[in-house]
Amino acid sequence: MNKDRRSFLRGSLQAGIVSIAAKSLHASPLPGTKNGAIASGSMRAVAIPSAQQVAWQDMEIGMFVHFAPNTWQDVESDNLSTPLSKIDPKELNTDQWAQTAVDLGAKYIVFVAKHQGGFCMWQTQTTDYSIRNTPWKNGKGDVLAEVVASCKKFGLKLGVYVCPRDDHFGATTGGICKTPEMQKRYDAMYREQLKEVFSGYGPLVEIWFDGSTITPVKDLIEQYQPHAVIFQGPQASIRWVGNEHGFAPYPCWNGIDRADAETGVATSLNSNPNGDVWMPNEVDVSIRRPDWFWHTDNENKVLTEEQLFSVYYRSVGRGAQLLLNIPANRHGLLSDKDAASAKAFGQELKRRFARPIAETHGSGSSITLKLDKPARIDTVILQEDTTRGERIREYKLEGRVSGAWQPLGTGSAVGHKRIQPVKPVTVEAVRLVTTQAAALPAVRTLAVYNIDAPPPSDWNAPAEAWASNLAGDWKEHHFSLDLTSQIKAAAQYRLHFIPTTGKVTAVQNVVLKLHGVEESKFVKPMKGQADSLLIDITGVDEKVEISGTVVGAANGQILLQKL
């Protein structure tokens, strides 16, 4: 799974899909602000989510289930070596899967109905490489149908992963085949597989096209599953966060530029809070990290309750969706250690966040939550009313102690949710003050908690992410890049500096070399964007090297965009 997405992001998919672009992550203070307060008349348009995206984000946690011939091979990618006669999970119990999802706190399951090897876990008529040709239930079994039934029984939504890649057929990442004849046959087969799944198993909440797809699928989605959110591909409405470690960066904006959204492979690095398309980030991680499948020797890799909270605070707590993989074993069950860890996490999650001490909502640059009586707090949860867009760009939290306001913390993105631990303190009231915004803030939730447990030590730590146009990084304020392999045409290019933490205030001491000769006249700051450089490339096949100093943030990642 990870290989398909990363190989695509590194440019291996050849479908004429444009490289990802990235825009500025920093908003300017609104005109008319005074003393950090926002003038209510200062408004700018922001991206608005669909009803399906809002409902999907409200679920917050989903459970992934990987189960394929790989499970019998002790490998991550199906090597096609397992005789189908060996695949007979006699104890398969999807009710146990669903119960584990409920224990975890998940609201939906995404089932891998077809992984990259091409094996289908439903009664498909398109290929012999399927559960139909195994001894399980005398060839009459349908794992996908059983997952559907269990989801209905336990009140869960269902998503599916039907991989565009198919090693059994000979289709590579994105469903690309070697010849036009093979491509035509595979497109027809894959579309029929999607039609079987989309039309035969009820409504789907999420559909995964891992690694994108060049097979036309828009008409099938519109006809059979118009309300599902789509992961990757030309019809994508959600995006991969850009790593498989379980962490979103912060800020993790929901907005993105339309050109980036249409690539189908944008990640969190392509976020633009002022973008015109709403495309939330999904954080996928395995409980047996980094393995997506059950192996005989990876039980010691199971994430603990403590590690799962680190993931939770840095995914859901940063406004992203968490999709936690718990793989099935050869018996068709989720292993006891995996299920126990998920349950312990779910129980503690409820204990911490089921009931706030107090909460409120409202609109405006300053919102105050008054407590009935002074109380100890150690966590604040913020949510915007995202039906009006993601408006807050910077904020500060204050607590009133013995009649005086004291600082509790600061932040930038809120979006669907921001979980912000604060130093334990007894307060009479808490105030959210928005200091920068794109429009008048609309706050869905301002809530305070006393969870009486330390947050993960890394709750506010940075996280790295991928993007197809990732050119490199800078460390300790310095960068030196060879851009030759990424510059394919004479054109203007934007070099965009995305900080790990803090802000980029300038890029200085820039030296551009073309074929070893300094040509710094061809590089200049972009007007109004302190975090970007404009490079003019007038010839092709030139060796392009650039170096310089970043002022402000000490470390970060650098994207290259052809303009």
Protein backbone atom coordinates (compact mmCIF):
# COMPACT_ATOMS: atom_id res chain seq x y z
CA MET A 1 0.00 0.00 0.00
CA ASN A 2 2.60 2.54 1.02
CA LYS A 3 4.75 1.61 -1.97
CA ASP A 4 2.03 2.57 -4.44
CA ARG A 5 1.47 6.00 -2.97
CA ARG A 6 5.15 6.78 -2.55
CA SER A 7 6.11 5.53 -5.99
CA PHE A 8 3.41 7.75 -7.45
CA LEU A 9 4.61 10.72 -5.47
CA ARG A 10 8.12 10.09 -6.73
CA GLY A 11 6.88 10.35 -10.29
CA SER A 12 6.57 6.72 -11.41
CA LEU A 13 2.98 7.02 -12.62
CA GLN A 14 2.89 8.08 -16.27
CA ALA A 15 -0.55 9.40 -16.99
CA GLY A 16 0.15 13.02 -17.82
CA ILE A 17 -1.01 14.08 -14.40
CA VAL A 18 0.48 17.40 -13.43
CA SER A 19 2.84 17.69 -10.52
CA ILE A 20 1.49 18.95 -7.26
CA ALA A 21 1.69 22.65 -6.55
CA ALA A 22 1.78 24.32 -3.17
CA LYS A 23 0.80 27.76 -2.02
CA SER A 24 1.53 29.93 0.98
CA LEU A 25 0.52 28.51 4.34
CA HIS A 26 0.36 31.88 6.04
CA ALA A 27 -2.52 34.32 6.11
CA SER A 28 -2.14 38.04 6.62
CA PRO A 29 -4.01 39.89 9.34
CA LEU A 30 -7.36 41.12 8.17
CA PRO A 31 -7.67 44.76 7.15
CA GLY A 32 -9.29 46.73 9.90
CA THR A 33 -7.84 44.73 12.79
CA LYS A 34 -6.88 46.61 15.90
CA ASN A 35 -5.03 45.38 18.97
CA GLY A 36 -5.37 41.79 17.80
CA ALA A 37 -9.17 41.95 17.44
CA ILE A 38 -10.81 41.25 14.10
CA ALA A 39 -13.07 43.77 12.47
CA SER A 40 -16.36 42.04 11.65
CA GLY A 41 -16.65 43.76 8.30
CA SER A 42 -13.40 42.29 6.98
CA MET A 43 -14.39 39.18 4.99
CA ARG A 44 -12.75 36.98 2.36
CA ALA A 45 -14.07 33.89 0.67
CA VAL A 46 -12.77 30.53 1.87
CA ALA A 47 -13.26 26.93 0.68
CA ILE A 48 -16.47 25.25 1.85
CA PRO A 49 -16.83 21.49 2.44
CA SER A 50 -19.58 19.33 0.98
CA ALA A 51 -22.14 17.77 3.29
CA GLN A 52 -20.41 14.42 2.74
CA GLN A 53 -17.04 15.83 3.77
CA VAL A 54 -18.51 17.38 6.93
CA ALA A 55 -20.18 14.09 7.90
CA TRP A 56 -17.00 12.14 7.16
CA GLN A 57 -14.82 14.44 9.25
CA ASP A 58 -17.28 14.21 12.14
CA MET A 59 -16.57 10.47 12.35
CA GLU A 60 -12.89 11.25 13.10
CA ILE A 61 -11.70 7.63 13.47
CA GLY A 62 -11.99 4.70 11.08
CA MET A 63 -10.54 1.18 11.18
CA PHE A 64 -8.65 -0.26 8.20
CA VAL A 65 -8.57 -4.05 7.72
CA HIS A 66 -5.91 -5.65 5.50
CA PHE A 67 -6.47 -9.29 4.57
CA ALA A 68 -5.12 -10.97 1.41
CA PRO A 69 -2.84 -13.83 0.24
CA ASN A 70 -0.02 -11.71 1.73
CA THR A 71 -1.33 -12.87 5.12
CA TRP A 72 -0.31 -16.45 4.26
CA GLN A 73 3.03 -15.38 2.80
CA ASP A 74 4.38 -13.24 5.67
CA VAL A 75 5.01 -10.41 3.18
CA GLU A 76 3.61 -6.96 2.52
CA SER A 77 3.20 -7.40 -1.25
CA ASP A 78 1.50 -10.50 -2.65
CA ASN A 79 4.17 -12.54 -4.45
CA LEU A 80 1.47 -14.71 -6.07
CA SER A 81 3.00 -17.85 -4.58
CA THR A 82 0.14 -19.03 -2.36
CA PRO A 83 -2.00 -21.84 -3.81
CA LEU A 84 -5.62 -20.80 -3.50
CA SER A 85 -6.28 -24.16 -1.85
CA LYS A 86 -4.35 -22.86 1.19
CA ILE A 87 -6.63 -19.87 1.75
CA ASP A 88 -9.28 -21.19 4.13
CA PRO A 89 -9.90 -18.86 7.12
CA LYS A 90 -12.38 -21.21 8.83
CA GLU A 91 -12.77 -19.01 11.91
CA LEU A 92 -13.33 -15.76 10.03
CA ASN A 93 -15.59 -13.56 12.14
CA THR A 94 -16.32 -10.07 10.87
CA ASP A 95 -18.50 -9.43 13.94
CA GLN A 96 -15.26 -9.58 15.92
CA TRP A 97 -13.78 -7.02 13.54
CA ALA A 98 -16.76 -4.73 14.00
CA GLN A 99 -16.72 -5.10 17.77
CA THR A 100 -13.05 -4.14 17.79
CA ALA A 101 -13.85 -1.07 15.70
CA VAL A 102 -16.52 -0.05 18.20
CA ASP A 103 -14.12 -0.66 21.10
CA LEU A 104 -11.55 1.51 19.33
CA GLY A 105 -14.00 4.36 18.97
CA ALA A 106 -14.13 4.05 15.18
CA LYS A 107 -17.28 4.97 13.29
CA TYR A 108 -16.48 3.13 10.06
CA ILE A 109 -14.40 0.30 8.59
CA VAL A 110 -12.41 0.50 5.36
CA PHE A 111 -11.97 -3.07 4.11
CA VAL A 112 -9.25 -4.00 1.63
CA ALA A 113 -11.44 -5.90 -0.80
CA LYS A 114 -8.63 -6.07 -3.36
CA HIS A 115 -4.97 -5.40 -2.64
CA GLN A 116 -2.25 -4.82 -5.22
CA GLY A 117 -1.79 -8.54 -5.91
CA GLY A 118 -5.24 -8.56 -7.51
CA PHE A 119 -6.94 -11.10 -5.21
CA CYS A 120 -10.63 -10.23 -4.77
CA MET A 121 -12.41 -10.86 -1.45
CA TRP A 122 -15.88 -11.00 -3.01
CA GLN A 123 -17.69 -13.22 -5.48
CA THR A 124 -16.34 -11.50 -8.56
CA GLN A 125 -16.94 -12.80 -12.04
CA THR A 126 -13.96 -10.91 -13.47
CA THR A 127 -11.03 -13.10 -12.39
CA ASP A 128 -10.21 -16.54 -11.06
CA TYR A 129 -7.86 -14.96 -8.53
CA SER A 130 -10.50 -14.53 -5.87
CA ILE A 131 -12.13 -16.00 -2.77
CA ARG A 132 -14.53 -17.79 -5.11
CA ASN A 133 -11.76 -20.28 -5.98
CA THR A 134 -10.73 -21.16 -2.42
CA PRO A 135 -12.04 -23.93 -0.14
CA TRP A 136 -13.48 -21.37 2.29
CA LYS A 137 -17.20 -22.09 2.49
CA ASN A 138 -16.80 -24.35 -0.53
CA GLY A 139 -16.10 -21.39 -2.77
CA LYS A 140 -19.38 -19.71 -1.85
CA GLY A 141 -17.95 -17.31 0.72
CA ASP A 142 -17.90 -13.54 0.33
CA VAL A 143 -15.77 -11.68 2.86
CA LEU A 144 -16.97 -8.27 1.68
CA ALA A 145 -20.60 -9.31 2.14
CA GLU A 146 -19.86 -10.45 5.69
CA VAL A 147 -18.15 -7.13 6.48
CA VAL A 148 -21.24 -5.32 5.17
CA ALA A 149 -23.52 -7.38 7.43
CA SER A 150 -21.35 -6.80 10.50
CA CYS A 151 -21.15 -3.06 9.87
CA LYS A 152 -24.94 -2.88 9.72
CA LYS A 153 -25.24 -4.95 12.91
CA PHE A 154 -22.83 -2.73 14.86
CA GLY A 155 -23.91 0.62 13.43
CA LEU A 156 -20.73 1.26 11.44
CA LYS A 157 -20.29 2.84 8.03
CA LEU A 158 -18.37 0.94 5.33
CA GLY A 159 -15.54 1.96 3.05
CA VAL A 160 -13.67 -0.14 0.49
CA TYR A 161 -10.16 -0.32 -0.92
CA VAL A 162 -10.21 -1.76 -4.44
CA CYS A 163 -6.65 -1.35 -5.64
CA PRO A 164 -6.08 -0.05 -9.19
CA ARG A 165 -2.82 -1.99 -9.29
CA ASP A 166 -3.17 -5.69 -10.13
CA ASP A 167 0.03 -7.77 -10.21
CA HIS A 168 -1.87 -10.93 -11.17
CA PHE A 169 -3.11 -9.23 -14.33
CA GLY A 170 0.06 -7.22 -14.98
CA ALA A 171 -1.19 -3.72 -14.15
CA THR A 172 1.26 -1.54 -12.22
CA THR A 173 0.69 1.42 -9.90
CA GLY A 174 -2.35 3.39 -10.98
CA GLY A 175 -3.56 0.49 -13.13
CA ILE A 176 -1.01 1.17 -15.89
CA CYS A 177 -0.38 -1.68 -18.33
CA LYS A 178 2.50 -2.25 -20.74
CA THR A 179 0.55 -2.16 -23.99
CA PRO A 180 -2.60 -0.41 -25.25
CA GLU A 181 -4.22 -3.81 -25.75
CA MET A 182 -3.55 -4.83 -22.15
CA GLN A 183 -4.71 -1.43 -20.94
CA LYS A 184 -8.02 -1.76 -22.75
CA ARG A 185 -8.63 -5.23 -21.30
CA TYR A 186 -7.62 -4.17 -17.81
CA ASP A 187 -9.73 -1.02 -17.85
CA ALA A 188 -12.76 -3.10 -18.78
CA MET A 189 -12.02 -5.66 -16.04
CA TYR A 190 -11.31 -3.10 -13.34
CA ARG A 191 -14.42 -1.10 -14.17
CA GLU A 192 -16.48 -4.28 -13.90
CA GLN A 193 -14.92 -5.03 -10.52
CA LEU A 194 -15.80 -1.55 -9.31
CA LYS A 195 -19.32 -1.91 -10.67
CA GLU A 196 -19.75 -5.18 -8.77
CA VAL A 197 -18.59 -3.59 -5.50
CA PHE A 198 -20.31 -0.24 -5.94
CA SER A 199 -23.67 -1.68 -6.98
CA GLY A 200 -23.86 -4.84 -4.89
CA TYR A 201 -22.91 -3.97 -1.32
CA GLY A 202 -24.90 -0.93 -0.31
CA PRO A 203 -23.84 2.66 0.35
CA LEU A 204 -20.15 3.33 0.88
CA VAL A 205 -18.73 6.16 2.98
CA GLU A 206 -15.20 6.06 1.54
CA ILE A 207 -13.50 4.61 -1.55
CA TRP A 208 -9.74 4.15 -1.83
CA PHE A 209 -7.89 4.37 -5.14
CA ASP A 210 -4.44 3.82 -3.68
CA GLY A 211 -1.76 5.27 -5.95
CA SER A 212 -4.46 6.96 -8.08
CA THR A 213 -6.00 5.40 -11.18
CA ILE A 214 -5.86 6.07 -14.91
CA THR A 215 -8.92 3.88 -15.52
CA PRO A 216 -11.98 6.13 -15.97
CA VAL A 217 -14.13 5.80 -12.85
CA LYS A 218 -16.04 9.08 -12.57
CA ASP A 219 -19.23 7.77 -14.16
CA LEU A 220 -19.28 4.71 -11.89
CA ILE A 221 -18.89 6.82 -8.77
CA GLU A 222 -21.59 9.24 -9.86
CA GLN A 223 -23.99 6.45 -10.78
CA TYR A 224 -23.53 4.09 -7.83
CA GLN A 225 -21.77 5.88 -4.94
CA PRO A 226 -22.25 9.65 -5.30
CA HIS A 227 -22.08 10.26 -1.54
CA ALA A 228 -18.75 8.54 -0.85
CA VAL A 229 -15.57 10.50 -0.22
CA ILE A 230 -12.76 9.49 -2.57
CA PHE A 231 -9.13 8.85 -1.57
CA GLN A 232 -6.73 9.68 -4.44
CA GLY A 233 -7.42 9.66 -8.16
CA PRO A 234 -8.89 12.38 -10.41
CA GLN A 235 -12.14 12.42 -8.39
CA ALA A 236 -10.40 12.71 -5.00
CA SER A 237 -12.29 14.60 -2.30
CA ILE A 238 -9.94 13.67 0.55
CA ARG A 239 -6.16 13.36 0.51
CA TRP A 240 -3.35 11.33 2.00
CA VAL A 241 -1.55 13.18 4.76
CA GLY A 242 1.80 12.25 3.18
CA ASN A 243 3.32 9.76 5.63
CA GLU A 244 2.42 6.45 7.26
CA HIS A 245 3.69 7.27 10.73
CA GLY A 246 0.27 8.31 11.99
CA PHE A 247 0.97 12.04 12.26
CA ALA A 248 -0.30 15.14 10.51
CA PRO A 249 1.82 18.28 10.42
CA TYR A 250 0.59 21.36 12.23
CA PRO A 251 -0.94 23.44 10.86
CA CYS A 252 -2.87 20.94 8.74
CA TRP A 253 -5.16 23.13 6.65
CA ASN A 254 -8.19 21.74 4.82
CA GLY A 255 -7.92 24.16 1.91
CA ILE A 256 -6.05 23.44 -1.29
CA ASP A 257 -5.68 25.05 -4.71
CA ARG A 258 -7.90 23.57 -7.40
CA ALA A 259 -4.94 22.67 -9.63
CA ASP A 260 -3.41 20.67 -6.79
CA ALA A 261 -6.70 18.99 -5.94
CA GLU A 262 -7.16 17.84 -9.53
CA THR A 263 -3.86 15.93 -9.51
CA GLY A 264 -5.51 13.35 -7.25
CA VAL A 265 -2.31 12.86 -5.26
CA ALA A 266 -2.04 16.02 -3.17
CA THR A 267 -0.88 15.66 0.42
CA SER A 268 -0.80 17.86 3.50
CA LEU A 269 2.27 19.63 2.12
CA ASN A 270 0.05 21.10 -0.60
CA SER A 271 -2.26 22.75 1.92
CA ASN A 272 -3.28 26.34 1.34
CA PRO A 273 -5.64 27.86 3.90
CA ASN A 274 -6.75 30.33 1.23
CA GLY A 275 -7.23 27.62 -1.41
CA ASP A 276 -10.51 27.33 -3.29
CA VAL A 277 -11.12 23.58 -2.73
CA TRP A 278 -11.89 21.82 0.56
CA MET A 279 -9.95 18.56 0.72
CA PRO A 280 -9.34 17.20 4.24
CA ASN A 281 -6.37 15.03 5.19
CA GLU A 282 -6.55 11.37 6.20
CA VAL A 283 -3.84 9.89 8.42
CA ASP A 284 -3.42 6.16 7.84
CA VAL A 285 -1.23 4.07 10.12
CA SER A 286 -1.04 0.42 11.11
CA ILE A 287 -1.31 -0.86 14.67
CA ARG A 288 1.54 -3.20 13.64
CA ARG A 289 3.63 -0.36 12.31
CA PRO A 290 5.11 -0.32 9.77
CA ASP A 291 3.48 -3.55 8.54
CA TRP A 292 0.00 -3.41 7.04
CA PHE A 293 -0.53 -7.18 7.07
CA TRP A 294 -0.50 -9.71 9.88
CA HIS A 295 2.82 -11.60 9.99
CA THR A 296 3.93 -14.45 12.17
CA ASP A 297 6.75 -12.29 13.55
CA ASN A 298 5.32 -8.77 13.96
CA GLU A 299 3.28 -9.09 17.15
CA ASN A 300 6.02 -7.25 19.03
CA LYS A 301 5.37 -4.22 16.80
CA VAL A 302 1.83 -3.60 18.08
CA LEU A 303 1.32 0.01 19.13
CA THR A 304 0.60 0.48 22.81
CA GLU A 305 -2.15 2.63 24.29
CA GLU A 306 0.43 5.34 24.94
CA GLN A 307 1.66 5.23 21.33
CA LEU A 308 -1.90 5.33 20.02
CA PHE A 309 -2.54 8.50 22.01
CA SER A 310 0.54 10.05 20.41
CA VAL A 311 -1.03 9.22 17.05
CA TYR A 312 -4.45 10.54 18.11
CA TYR A 313 -3.26 13.91 19.42
CA ARG A 314 -1.17 14.43 16.26
CA SER A 315 -3.92 13.40 13.82
CA VAL A 316 -7.44 14.01 15.10
CA GLY A 317 -6.00 16.60 17.48
CA ARG A 318 -4.66 18.50 14.46
CA GLY A 319 -7.90 18.40 12.51
CA ALA A 320 -7.15 15.32 10.38
CA GLN A 321 -8.92 11.97 10.09
CA LEU A 322 -7.38 8.86 11.68
CA LEU A 323 -7.60 5.53 9.85
CA LEU A 324 -6.01 2.86 12.05
CA ASN A 325 -5.21 -0.46 10.41
CA ILE A 326 -5.78 -3.69 12.36
CA PRO A 327 -4.98 -6.66 10.08
CA ALA A 328 -6.72 -10.02 10.13
CA ASN A 329 -4.68 -13.19 10.66
CA ARG A 330 -4.87 -16.52 8.82
CA HIS A 331 -7.83 -17.60 10.94
CA GLY A 332 -9.78 -14.57 9.77
CA LEU A 333 -9.62 -12.89 13.17
CA LEU A 334 -8.02 -9.76 14.55
CA SER A 335 -5.32 -10.96 16.91
CA ASP A 336 -5.92 -10.68 20.66
CA LYS A 337 -3.02 -8.31 21.30
CA ASP A 338 -4.16 -5.93 18.57
CA ALA A 339 -7.77 -5.95 19.75
CA ALA A 340 -6.75 -5.47 23.39
CA SER A 341 -4.57 -2.46 22.57
CA ALA A 342 -7.36 -0.90 20.51
CA LYS A 343 -9.89 -1.48 23.31
CA ALA A 344 -7.64 0.00 26.01
CA PHE A 345 -7.13 3.08 23.86
CA GLY A 346 -10.86 3.42 23.18
CA GLN A 347 -11.76 3.15 26.85
CA GLU A 348 -9.22 5.79 27.87
CA LEU A 349 -10.35 8.02 24.99
CA LYS A 350 -13.89 7.96 26.38
CA ARG A 351 -12.67 8.61 29.91
CA ARG A 352 -10.69 11.64 28.82
CA PHE A 353 -13.08 13.32 26.42
CA ALA A 354 -16.63 12.02 26.93
CA ARG A 355 -17.67 14.94 29.16
CA PRO A 356 -16.20 18.45 29.19
CA ILE A 357 -16.29 20.58 32.31
CA ALA A 358 -17.98 23.26 30.25
CA GLU A 359 -18.38 24.26 26.62
CA THR A 360 -19.82 26.96 24.42
CA HIS A 361 -19.96 28.16 20.84
CA GLY A 362 -20.39 31.40 18.98
CA SER A 363 -18.93 33.78 16.42
CA GLY A 364 -16.60 36.71 16.69
CA SER A 365 -12.99 37.54 17.33
CA SER A 366 -13.33 36.84 21.07
CA ILE A 367 -15.42 34.08 22.64
CA THR A 368 -15.57 33.61 26.40
CA LEU A 369 -16.54 30.42 28.22
CA LYS A 370 -17.60 31.17 31.81
CA LEU A 371 -17.53 28.29 34.29
CA ASP A 372 -20.22 27.84 36.95
CA LYS A 373 -17.43 27.77 39.50
CA PRO A 374 -13.62 27.78 39.40
CA ALA A 375 -12.28 24.44 38.14
CA ARG A 376 -9.00 22.81 37.25
CA ILE A 377 -8.44 22.39 33.53
CA ASP A 378 -5.59 20.81 31.55
CA THR A 379 -6.98 20.56 28.01
CA VAL A 380 -8.88 22.80 25.62
CA ILE A 381 -10.69 21.52 22.52
CA LEU A 382 -11.55 23.91 19.70
CA GLN A 383 -13.70 23.32 16.62
CA GLU A 384 -14.77 25.67 13.87
CA ASP A 385 -18.14 25.53 12.19
CA THR A 386 -16.55 24.24 9.01
CA THR A 387 -19.79 24.54 7.04
CA ARG A 388 -18.68 28.18 6.82
CA GLY A 389 -15.11 27.26 5.96
CA GLU A 390 -11.85 27.28 7.90
CA ARG A 391 -11.52 30.91 8.92
CA ILE A 392 -9.13 31.09 11.88
CA ARG A 393 -5.47 31.60 11.01
CA GLU A 394 -3.97 32.43 14.41
CA TYR A 395 -5.39 32.47 17.91
CA LYS A 396 -4.52 32.66 21.57
CA LEU A 397 -6.15 31.05 24.60
CA GLU A 398 -6.45 32.82 27.92
CA GLY A 399 -7.72 31.75 31.33
CA ARG A 400 -9.15 34.04 34.00
CA VAL A 401 -7.52 33.33 37.34
CA SER A 402 -8.61 35.34 40.39
CA GLY A 403 -10.13 37.94 38.09
CA ALA A 404 -7.07 38.38 35.84
CA TRP A 405 -6.55 36.94 32.35
CA GLN A 406 -3.46 34.77 31.90
CA PRO A 407 -2.08 33.17 28.68
CA LEU A 408 -2.75 29.45 28.24
CA GLY A 409 -1.48 28.80 24.72
CA THR A 410 -1.44 29.81 21.08
CA GLY A 411 -2.05 28.16 17.74
CA SER A 412 -2.91 28.59 14.08
CA ALA A 413 -5.19 26.02 12.41
CA VAL A 414 -8.41 24.91 14.13
CA GLY A 415 -10.61 23.53 11.36
CA HIS A 416 -12.52 20.43 12.35
CA LYS A 417 -10.70 20.05 15.67
CA ARG A 418 -7.73 21.24 17.64
CA ILE A 419 -6.83 19.46 20.89
CA GLN A 420 -4.56 21.72 22.92
CA PRO A 421 -3.17 20.60 26.28
CA VAL A 422 -2.43 23.47 28.66
CA LYS A 423 -0.55 23.70 31.92
CA PRO A 424 -2.99 22.59 34.65
CA VAL A 425 -4.63 25.64 36.17
CA THR A 426 -7.79 26.53 38.09
CA VAL A 427 -9.79 29.05 36.09
CA GLU A 428 -13.04 30.97 36.33
CA ALA A 429 -13.33 31.38 32.56
CA VAL A 430 -11.50 30.65 29.31
CA ARG A 431 -11.28 32.98 26.35
CA LEU A 432 -10.49 32.26 22.69
CA VAL A 433 -9.10 35.34 20.94
CA THR A 434 -8.60 35.10 17.19
CA THR A 435 -5.78 37.39 16.08
CA GLN A 436 -5.70 36.53 12.35
CA ALA A 437 -8.56 35.23 10.23
CA ALA A 438 -9.86 35.03 6.68
CA ALA A 439 -13.39 35.95 7.79
CA LEU A 440 -15.36 36.36 10.99
CA PRO A 441 -14.63 33.22 13.08
CA ALA A 442 -17.52 30.79 13.56
CA VAL A 443 -16.71 28.52 16.51
CA ARG A 444 -18.59 25.27 16.85
CA THR A 445 -16.93 24.23 20.10
CA LEU A 446 -14.87 25.86 22.82
CA ALA A 447 -14.61 23.20 25.53
CA VAL A 448 -12.41 22.66 28.57
CA TYR A 449 -11.46 19.37 30.22
CA ASN A 450 -9.68 18.04 33.23
CA ILE A 451 -8.45 14.72 31.87
CA ASP A 452 -6.05 14.37 34.81
CA ALA A 453 -3.42 12.62 32.70
CA PRO A 454 -0.34 14.00 31.01
CA PRO A 455 -0.66 14.48 27.25
CA PRO A 456 1.78 12.66 24.96
CA SER A 457 5.17 14.30 25.26
CA ASP A 458 5.21 14.82 21.48
CA TRP A 459 1.68 16.23 21.17
CA ASN A 460 3.03 19.43 19.64
CA ALA A 461 6.04 17.92 17.84
CA PRO A 462 6.44 18.43 14.07
CA ALA A 463 5.71 15.72 11.51
CA GLU A 464 7.22 15.25 8.06
CA ALA A 465 5.11 14.60 4.99
CA TRP A 466 5.60 13.75 1.32
CA ALA A 467 4.63 15.52 -1.88
CA SER A 468 5.42 14.61 -5.48
CA ASN A 469 7.23 17.91 -5.97
CA LEU A 470 9.28 17.67 -2.79
CA ALA A 471 12.67 19.12 -3.74
CA GLY A 472 14.45 18.72 -0.41
CA ASP A 473 14.71 20.42 2.94
CA TRP A 474 16.64 22.99 4.91
CA LYS A 475 18.28 22.56 8.28
CA GLU A 476 19.64 25.11 10.70
CA HIS A 477 18.49 27.85 8.29
CA HIS A 478 20.61 26.60 5.34
CA PHE A 479 19.70 24.80 2.11
CA SER A 480 21.58 23.48 -0.91
CA LEU A 481 19.64 21.70 -3.66
CA ASP A 482 20.29 20.10 -7.03
CA LEU A 483 17.06 20.66 -8.98
CA THR A 484 18.27 19.25 -12.30
CA SER A 485 16.14 16.10 -12.29
CA GLN A 486 12.95 18.05 -11.51
CA ILE A 487 13.30 20.79 -14.12
CA LYS A 488 12.12 19.44 -17.47
CA ALA A 489 11.27 22.58 -19.40
CA ALA A 490 12.22 26.20 -19.89
CA ALA A 491 9.74 27.97 -17.64
CA GLN A 492 9.27 29.84 -14.41
CA TYR A 493 9.42 27.81 -11.22
CA ARG A 494 8.43 28.56 -7.66
CA LEU A 495 10.53 27.28 -4.77
CA HIS A 496 8.27 27.18 -1.71
CA PHE A 497 9.70 26.87 1.82
CA ILE A 498 7.36 25.11 4.28
CA PRO A 499 8.56 25.39 7.89
CA THR A 500 8.43 22.54 10.36
CA THR A 501 7.46 25.07 13.01
CA GLY A 502 7.24 28.86 13.01
CA LYS A 503 7.32 31.06 9.91
CA VAL A 504 9.68 31.89 7.09
CA THR A 505 10.23 35.64 7.09
CA ALA A 506 12.77 35.80 4.25
CA VAL A 507 15.11 33.77 2.04
CA GLN A 508 18.51 35.43 1.71
CA ASN A 509 22.05 34.90 0.34
CA VAL A 510 20.60 32.97 -2.58
CA VAL A 511 23.05 31.61 -5.17
CA LEU A 512 21.72 30.02 -8.36
CA LYS A 513 24.14 28.08 -10.58
CA LEU A 514 23.37 26.90 -14.11
CA HIS A 515 25.94 24.42 -15.42
CA GLY A 516 28.23 25.49 -12.58
CA VAL A 517 28.09 29.18 -13.48
CA GLU A 518 26.53 31.59 -11.02
CA GLU A 519 23.39 33.09 -12.59
CA SER A 520 21.66 34.62 -9.57
CA LYS A 521 19.98 37.22 -11.77
CA PHE A 522 17.49 34.48 -12.69
CA VAL A 523 16.19 34.07 -9.14
CA LYS A 524 14.28 36.58 -7.04
CA PRO A 525 11.80 36.70 -4.14
CA MET A 526 8.15 36.31 -5.10
CA LYS A 527 6.19 39.48 -4.55
CA GLY A 528 4.31 39.40 -1.28
CA GLN A 529 5.49 35.87 -0.40
CA ALA A 530 8.42 35.79 1.99
CA ASP A 531 8.47 31.99 1.88
CA SER A 532 8.94 31.64 -1.89
CA LEU A 533 11.49 32.25 -4.64
CA LEU A 534 10.84 32.70 -8.37
CA ILE A 535 13.34 30.99 -10.69
CA ASP A 536 13.53 31.71 -14.43
CA ILE A 537 14.86 28.76 -16.46
CA THR A 538 15.52 29.86 -20.05
CA GLY A 539 17.08 26.66 -21.39
CA VAL A 540 16.62 22.93 -20.99
CA ASP A 541 19.10 20.22 -20.00
CA GLU A 542 20.91 22.58 -17.68
CA LYS A 543 22.39 21.55 -14.36
CA VAL A 544 20.46 23.64 -11.82
CA GLU A 545 21.80 24.16 -8.31
CA ILE A 546 20.61 26.61 -5.67
CA SER A 547 21.63 27.44 -2.12
CA GLY A 548 20.85 30.06 0.48
CA THR A 549 19.73 30.97 3.97
CA VAL A 550 16.23 30.85 5.43
CA VAL A 551 15.37 33.55 7.93
CA GLY A 552 12.87 32.71 10.63
CA ALA A 553 12.08 29.00 10.87
CA ALA A 554 15.21 26.91 11.33
CA ASN A 555 14.05 23.74 9.55
CA GLY A 556 11.52 22.67 6.96
CA GLN A 557 10.76 21.16 3.56
CA ILE A 558 11.00 22.73 0.10
CA LEU A 559 8.60 22.21 -2.82
CA LEU A 560 9.27 23.00 -6.48
CA GLN A 561 6.34 24.11 -8.63
CA LYS A 562 6.35 24.79 -12.37
CA LEU A 563 4.30 27.93 -13.01
